[in-house]
PDB file of N, CA and C in Angstrom:
ATOM      1  N   UNK A   1      13.885 -25.656  10.788  1.00  0.00           N
ATOM      2  CA  UNK A   1      13.948 -24.644  11.820  1.00  0.00           C
ATOM      3  C   UNK A   1      15.358 -24.681  12.415  1.00  0.00           C
ATOM      4  N   UNK A   2      16.040 -23.564  12.425  1.00  0.00           N
ATOM      5  CA  UNK A   2      17.396 -23.538  12.991  1.00  0.00           C
ATOM      6  C   UNK A   2      17.403 -23.849  14.491  1.00  0.00           C
ATOM      7  N   UNK A   3      18.510 -24.413  14.919  1.00  0.00           N
ATOM      8  CA  UNK A   3      18.646 -24.817  16.313  1.00  0.00           C
ATOM      9  C   UNK A   3      18.529 -23.627  17.264  1.00  0.00           C
ATOM     10  N   UNK A   4      18.992 -22.466  16.864  1.00  0.00           N
ATOM     11  CA  UNK A   4      18.927 -21.281  17.732  1.00  0.00           C
ATOM     12  C   UNK A   4      17.472 -20.887  17.991  1.00  0.00           C
ATOM     13  N   UNK A   5      16.606 -21.064  16.998  1.00  0.00           N
ATOM     14  CA  UNK A   5      15.187 -20.747  17.195  1.00  0.00           C
ATOM     15  C   UNK A   5      14.540 -21.716  18.174  1.00  0.00           C
ATOM     16  N   UNK A   6      14.925 -22.983  18.082  1.00  0.00           N
ATOM     17  CA  UNK A   6      14.396 -23.979  19.009  1.00  0.00           C
ATOM     18  C   UNK A   6      14.810 -23.645  20.434  1.00  0.00           C
ATOM     19  N   UNK A   7      16.072 -23.297  20.617  1.00  0.00           N
ATOM     20  CA  UNK A   7      16.569 -22.937  21.946  1.00  0.00           C
ATOM     21  C   UNK A   7      15.864 -21.688  22.460  1.00  0.00           C
ATOM     22  N   UNK A   8      15.660 -20.706  21.592  1.00  0.00           N
ATOM     23  CA  UNK A   8      14.971 -19.479  22.014  1.00  0.00           C
ATOM     24  C   UNK A   8      13.527 -19.763  22.421  1.00  0.00           C
ATOM     25  N   UNK A   9      12.847 -20.626  21.688  1.00  0.00           N
ATOM     26  CA  UNK A   9      11.465 -20.977  22.047  1.00  0.00           C
ATOM     27  C   UNK A   9      11.448 -21.667  23.407  1.00  0.00           C
ATOM     28  N   UNK A  10      12.381 -22.587  23.632  1.00  0.00           N
ATOM     29  CA  UNK A  10      12.449 -23.275  24.926  1.00  0.00           C
ATOM     30  C   UNK A  10      12.731 -22.298  26.065  1.00  0.00           C
ATOM     31  N   UNK A  11      13.601 -21.336  25.827  1.00  0.00           N
ATOM     32  CA  UNK A  11      13.910 -20.341  26.863  1.00  0.00           C
ATOM     33  C   UNK A  11      12.684 -19.473  27.151  1.00  0.00           C
ATOM     34  N   UNK A  12      12.003 -19.023  26.105  1.00  0.00           N
ATOM     35  CA  UNK A  12      10.819 -18.175  26.295  1.00  0.00           C
ATOM     36  C   UNK A  12       9.729 -18.930  27.042  1.00  0.00           C
ATOM     37  N   UNK A  13       9.477 -20.169  26.647  1.00  0.00           N
ATOM     38  CA  UNK A  13       8.456 -20.964  27.328  1.00  0.00           C
ATOM     39  C   UNK A  13       8.856 -21.199  28.780  1.00  0.00           C
ATOM     40  N   UNK A  14      10.118 -21.479  29.022  1.00  0.00           N
ATOM     41  CA  UNK A  14      10.590 -21.688  30.393  1.00  0.00           C
ATOM     42  C   UNK A  14      10.428 -20.451  31.252  1.00  0.00           C
ATOM     43  N   UNK A  15      10.765 -19.304  30.705  1.00  0.00           N
ATOM     44  CA  UNK A  15      10.626 -18.051  31.464  1.00  0.00           C
ATOM     45  C   UNK A  15       9.152 -17.747  31.728  1.00  0.00           C
ATOM     46  N   UNK A  16       8.303 -17.960  30.729  1.00  0.00           N
ATOM     47  CA  UNK A  16       6.869 -17.728  30.931  1.00  0.00           C
ATOM     48  C   UNK A  16       6.298 -18.665  31.990  1.00  0.00           C
ATOM     49  N   UNK A  17       6.703 -19.926  31.965  1.00  0.00           N
ATOM     50  CA  UNK A  17       6.233 -20.877  32.965  1.00  0.00           C
ATOM     51  C   UNK A  17       6.735 -20.484  34.351  1.00  0.00           C
ATOM     52  N   UNK A  18       7.971 -20.032  34.434  1.00  0.00           N
ATOM     53  CA  UNK A  18       8.526 -19.573  35.717  1.00  0.00           C
ATOM     54  C   UNK A  18       7.747 -18.361  36.237  1.00  0.00           C
ATOM     55  N   UNK A  19       7.433 -17.414  35.349  1.00  0.00           N
ATOM     56  CA  UNK A  19       6.667 -16.237  35.763  1.00  0.00           C
ATOM     57  C   UNK A  19       5.284 -16.623  36.261  1.00  0.00           C
ATOM     58  N   UNK A  20       4.631 -17.532  35.558  1.00  0.00           N
ATOM     59  CA  UNK A  20       3.305 -17.984  35.986  1.00  0.00           C
ATOM     60  C   UNK A  20       3.392 -18.673  37.341  1.00  0.00           C
ATOM     61  N   UNK A  21       4.393 -19.542  37.508  1.00  0.00           N
ATOM     62  CA  UNK A  21       4.531 -20.273  38.765  1.00  0.00           C
ATOM     63  C   UNK A  21       4.836 -19.353  39.950  1.00  0.00           C
ATOM     64  N   UNK A  22       5.576 -18.288  39.708  1.00  0.00           N
ATOM     65  CA  UNK A  22       5.985 -17.419  40.812  1.00  0.00           C
ATOM     66  C   UNK A  22       5.018 -16.280  41.109  1.00  0.00           C
ATOM     67  N   UNK A  23       4.346 -15.772  40.098  1.00  0.00           N
ATOM     68  CA  UNK A  23       3.576 -14.550  40.305  1.00  0.00           C
ATOM     69  C   UNK A  23       2.063 -14.707  40.195  1.00  0.00           C
ATOM     70  N   UNK A  24       1.583 -15.874  39.805  1.00  0.00           N
ATOM     71  CA  UNK A  24       0.144 -16.097  39.767  1.00  0.00           C
ATOM     72  C   UNK A  24      -0.198 -17.107  40.857  1.00  0.00           C
ATOM     73  N   UNK A  25      -0.940 -16.676  41.865  1.00  0.00           N
ATOM     74  CA  UNK A  25      -1.259 -17.612  42.951  1.00  0.00           C
ATOM     75  C   UNK A  25      -2.264 -18.675  42.484  1.00  0.00           C
ATOM     76  N   UNK A  26      -1.903 -19.932  42.724  1.00  0.00           N
ATOM     77  CA  UNK A  26      -2.796 -21.038  42.389  1.00  0.00           C
ATOM     78  C   UNK A  26      -2.457 -22.220  43.277  1.00  0.00           C
ATOM     79  N   UNK A  27      -3.385 -23.128  43.390  1.00  0.00           N
ATOM     80  CA  UNK A  27      -3.203 -24.304  44.237  1.00  0.00           C
ATOM     81  C   UNK A  27      -2.071 -25.178  43.683  1.00  0.00           C
ATOM     82  N   UNK A  28      -1.445 -25.913  44.584  1.00  0.00           N
ATOM     83  CA  UNK A  28      -0.325 -26.767  44.213  1.00  0.00           C
ATOM     84  C   UNK A  28      -0.644 -27.795  43.142  1.00  0.00           C
ATOM     85  N   UNK A  29      -1.764 -28.516  43.281  1.00  0.00           N
ATOM     86  CA  UNK A  29      -2.078 -29.504  42.239  1.00  0.00           C
ATOM     87  C   UNK A  29      -2.316 -28.887  40.861  1.00  0.00           C
ATOM     88  N   UNK A  30      -2.916 -27.716  40.830  1.00  0.00           N
ATOM     89  CA  UNK A  30      -3.146 -27.042  39.549  1.00  0.00           C
ATOM     90  C   UNK A  30      -1.815 -26.625  38.941  1.00  0.00           C
ATOM     91  N   UNK A  31      -0.916 -26.138  39.773  1.00  0.00           N
ATOM     92  CA  UNK A  31       0.403 -25.736  39.301  1.00  0.00           C
ATOM     93  C   UNK A  31       1.170 -26.939  38.753  1.00  0.00           C
ATOM     94  N   UNK A  32       1.082 -28.070  39.439  1.00  0.00           N
ATOM     95  CA  UNK A  32       1.752 -29.286  38.969  1.00  0.00           C
ATOM     96  C   UNK A  32       1.173 -29.756  37.642  1.00  0.00           C
ATOM     97  N   UNK A  33      -0.143 -29.697  37.519  1.00  0.00           N
ATOM     98  CA  UNK A  33      -0.788 -30.093  36.274  1.00  0.00           C
ATOM     99  C   UNK A  33      -0.377 -29.170  35.134  1.00  0.00           C
ATOM    100  N   UNK A  34      -0.329 -27.878  35.377  1.00  0.00           N
ATOM    101  CA  UNK A  34       0.094 -26.915  34.367  1.00  0.00           C
ATOM    102  C   UNK A  34       1.515 -27.205  33.917  1.00  0.00           C
ATOM    103  N   UNK A  35       2.410 -27.458  34.871  1.00  0.00           N
ATOM    104  CA  UNK A  35       3.800 -27.764  34.536  1.00  0.00           C
ATOM    105  C   UNK A  35       3.887 -29.033  33.691  1.00  0.00           C
ATOM    106  N   UNK A  36       3.139 -30.055  34.062  1.00  0.00           N
ATOM    107  CA  UNK A  36       3.165 -31.314  33.327  1.00  0.00           C
ATOM    108  C   UNK A  36       2.646 -31.126  31.900  1.00  0.00           C
ATOM    109  N   UNK A  37       1.575 -30.373  31.744  1.00  0.00           N
ATOM    110  CA  UNK A  37       1.011 -30.135  30.410  1.00  0.00           C
ATOM    111  C   UNK A  37       2.003 -29.378  29.535  1.00  0.00           C
ATOM    112  N   UNK A  38       2.646 -28.365  30.091  1.00  0.00           N
ATOM    113  CA  UNK A  38       3.620 -27.592  29.316  1.00  0.00           C
ATOM    114  C   UNK A  38       4.797 -28.471  28.902  1.00  0.00           C
ATOM    115  N   UNK A  39       5.277 -29.318  29.803  1.00  0.00           N
ATOM    116  CA  UNK A  39       6.398 -30.206  29.474  1.00  0.00           C
ATOM    117  C   UNK A  39       6.000 -31.191  28.375  1.00  0.00           C
ATOM    118  N   UNK A  40       4.828 -31.779  28.471  1.00  0.00           N
ATOM    119  CA  UNK A  40       4.383 -32.735  27.450  1.00  0.00           C
ATOM    120  C   UNK A  40       4.227 -32.040  26.101  1.00  0.00           C
ATOM    121  N   UNK A  41       3.638 -30.864  26.089  1.00  0.00           N
ATOM    122  CA  UNK A  41       3.466 -30.120  24.835  1.00  0.00           C
ATOM    123  C   UNK A  41       4.817 -29.780  24.221  1.00  0.00           C
ATOM    124  N   UNK A  42       5.777 -29.364  25.041  1.00  0.00           N
ATOM    125  CA  UNK A  42       7.095 -29.019  24.515  1.00  0.00           C
ATOM    126  C   UNK A  42       7.832 -30.245  23.998  1.00  0.00           C
ATOM    127  N   UNK A  43       7.701 -31.381  24.660  1.00  0.00           N
ATOM    128  CA  UNK A  43       8.347 -32.609  24.186  1.00  0.00           C
ATOM    129  C   UNK A  43       7.754 -33.031  22.844  1.00  0.00           C
ATOM    130  N   UNK A  44       6.438 -32.978  22.716  1.00  0.00           N
ATOM    131  CA  UNK A  44       5.795 -33.323  21.444  1.00  0.00           C
ATOM    132  C   UNK A  44       6.239 -32.353  20.361  1.00  0.00           C
ATOM    133  N   UNK A  45       6.321 -31.080  20.673  1.00  0.00           N
ATOM    134  CA  UNK A  45       6.750 -30.078  19.694  1.00  0.00           C
ATOM    135  C   UNK A  45       8.182 -30.336  19.238  1.00  0.00           C
ATOM    136  N   UNK A  46       9.065 -30.654  20.175  1.00  0.00           N
ATOM    137  CA  UNK A  46      10.463 -30.933  19.825  1.00  0.00           C
ATOM    138  C   UNK A  46      10.543 -32.180  18.949  1.00  0.00           C
ATOM    139  N   UNK A  47       9.768 -33.211  19.287  1.00  0.00           N
ATOM    140  CA  UNK A  47       9.768 -34.417  18.461  1.00  0.00           C
ATOM    141  C   UNK A  47       9.282 -34.114  17.043  1.00  0.00           C
ATOM    142  N   UNK A  48       8.279 -33.270  16.921  1.00  0.00           N
ATOM    143  CA  UNK A  48       7.780 -32.898  15.597  1.00  0.00           C
ATOM    144  C   UNK A  48       8.805 -32.069  14.829  1.00  0.00           C
ATOM    145  N   UNK A  49       9.484 -31.165  15.522  1.00  0.00           N
ATOM    146  CA  UNK A  49      10.482 -30.322  14.864  1.00  0.00           C
ATOM    147  C   UNK A  49      11.619 -31.174  14.302  1.00  0.00           C
ATOM    148  N   UNK A  50      12.053 -32.177  15.056  1.00  0.00           N
ATOM    149  CA  UNK A  50      13.151 -33.028  14.604  1.00  0.00           C
ATOM    150  C   UNK A  50      12.685 -34.193  13.739  1.00  0.00           C
ATOM    151  N   UNK A  51      11.391 -34.292  13.466  1.00  0.00           N
ATOM    152  CA  UNK A  51      10.876 -35.306  12.575  1.00  0.00           C
ATOM    153  C   UNK A  51      10.766 -36.686  13.193  1.00  0.00           C
ATOM    154  N   UNK A  52      10.728 -36.794  14.495  1.00  0.00           N
ATOM    155  CA  UNK A  52      10.656 -38.080  15.174  1.00  0.00           C
ATOM    156  C   UNK A  52       9.237 -38.465  15.573  1.00  0.00           C
ATOM    157  N   UNK A  53       8.315 -37.552  15.467  1.00  0.00           N
ATOM    158  CA  UNK A  53       6.940 -37.803  15.906  1.00  0.00           C
ATOM    159  C   UNK A  53       6.299 -38.928  15.095  1.00  0.00           C
ATOM    160  N   UNK A  54       6.565 -38.946  13.804  1.00  0.00           N
ATOM    161  CA  UNK A  54       5.990 -39.965  12.931  1.00  0.00           C
ATOM    162  C   UNK A  54       6.427 -41.369  13.376  1.00  0.00           C
ATOM    163  N   UNK A  55       7.689 -41.522  13.723  1.00  0.00           N
ATOM    164  CA  UNK A  55       8.191 -42.836  14.129  1.00  0.00           C
ATOM    165  C   UNK A  55       7.609 -43.272  15.471  1.00  0.00           C
ATOM    166  N   UNK A  56       7.443 -42.347  16.372  1.00  0.00           N
ATOM    167  CA  UNK A  56       6.927 -42.691  17.694  1.00  0.00           C
ATOM    168  C   UNK A  56       5.450 -43.061  17.634  1.00  0.00           C
ATOM    169  N   UNK A  57       4.698 -42.379  16.798  1.00  0.00           N
ATOM    170  CA  UNK A  57       3.262 -42.672  16.712  1.00  0.00           C
ATOM    171  C   UNK A  57       2.973 -43.968  15.978  1.00  0.00           C
ATOM    172  N   UNK A  58       3.957 -44.515  15.267  1.00  0.00           N
ATOM    173  CA  UNK A  58       3.744 -45.754  14.510  1.00  0.00           C
ATOM    174  C   UNK A  58       4.403 -46.961  15.160  1.00  0.00           C
ATOM    175  N   UNK A  59       4.815 -46.854  16.415  1.00  0.00           N
ATOM    176  CA  UNK A  59       5.376 -47.997  17.130  1.00  0.00           C
ATOM    177  C   UNK A  59       4.238 -48.925  17.509  1.00  0.00           C
ATOM    178  N   UNK A  60       4.406 -50.209  17.229  1.00  0.00           N
ATOM    179  CA  UNK A  60       3.380 -51.198  17.533  1.00  0.00           C
ATOM    180  C   UNK A  60       3.919 -52.173  18.571  1.00  0.00           C
ATOM    181  N   UNK A  61       3.110 -52.462  19.568  1.00  0.00           N
ATOM    182  CA  UNK A  61       3.482 -53.438  20.584  1.00  0.00           C
ATOM    183  C   UNK A  61       2.873 -54.782  20.225  1.00  0.00           C
ATOM    184  N   UNK A  62       3.694 -55.781  20.132  1.00  0.00           N
ATOM    185  CA  UNK A  62       3.196 -57.146  19.885  1.00  0.00           C
ATOM    186  C   UNK A  62       3.156 -57.501  18.502  1.00  0.00           C
TER     187      UNK A  62
END
């Protein structure tokens, strides 16, 4: 996946999250949870795109 597509996806997701946060009324804790879920999903997606997800899921402690 080209880097420009990754940047465009991040921009689109960011704008959509901003629109939801500003124009859809919801309680503060729900908004915080939504933001956290979107950030975690995007981080996992970026790790998968760059091929790092496999290494992170196979880290063993001890």
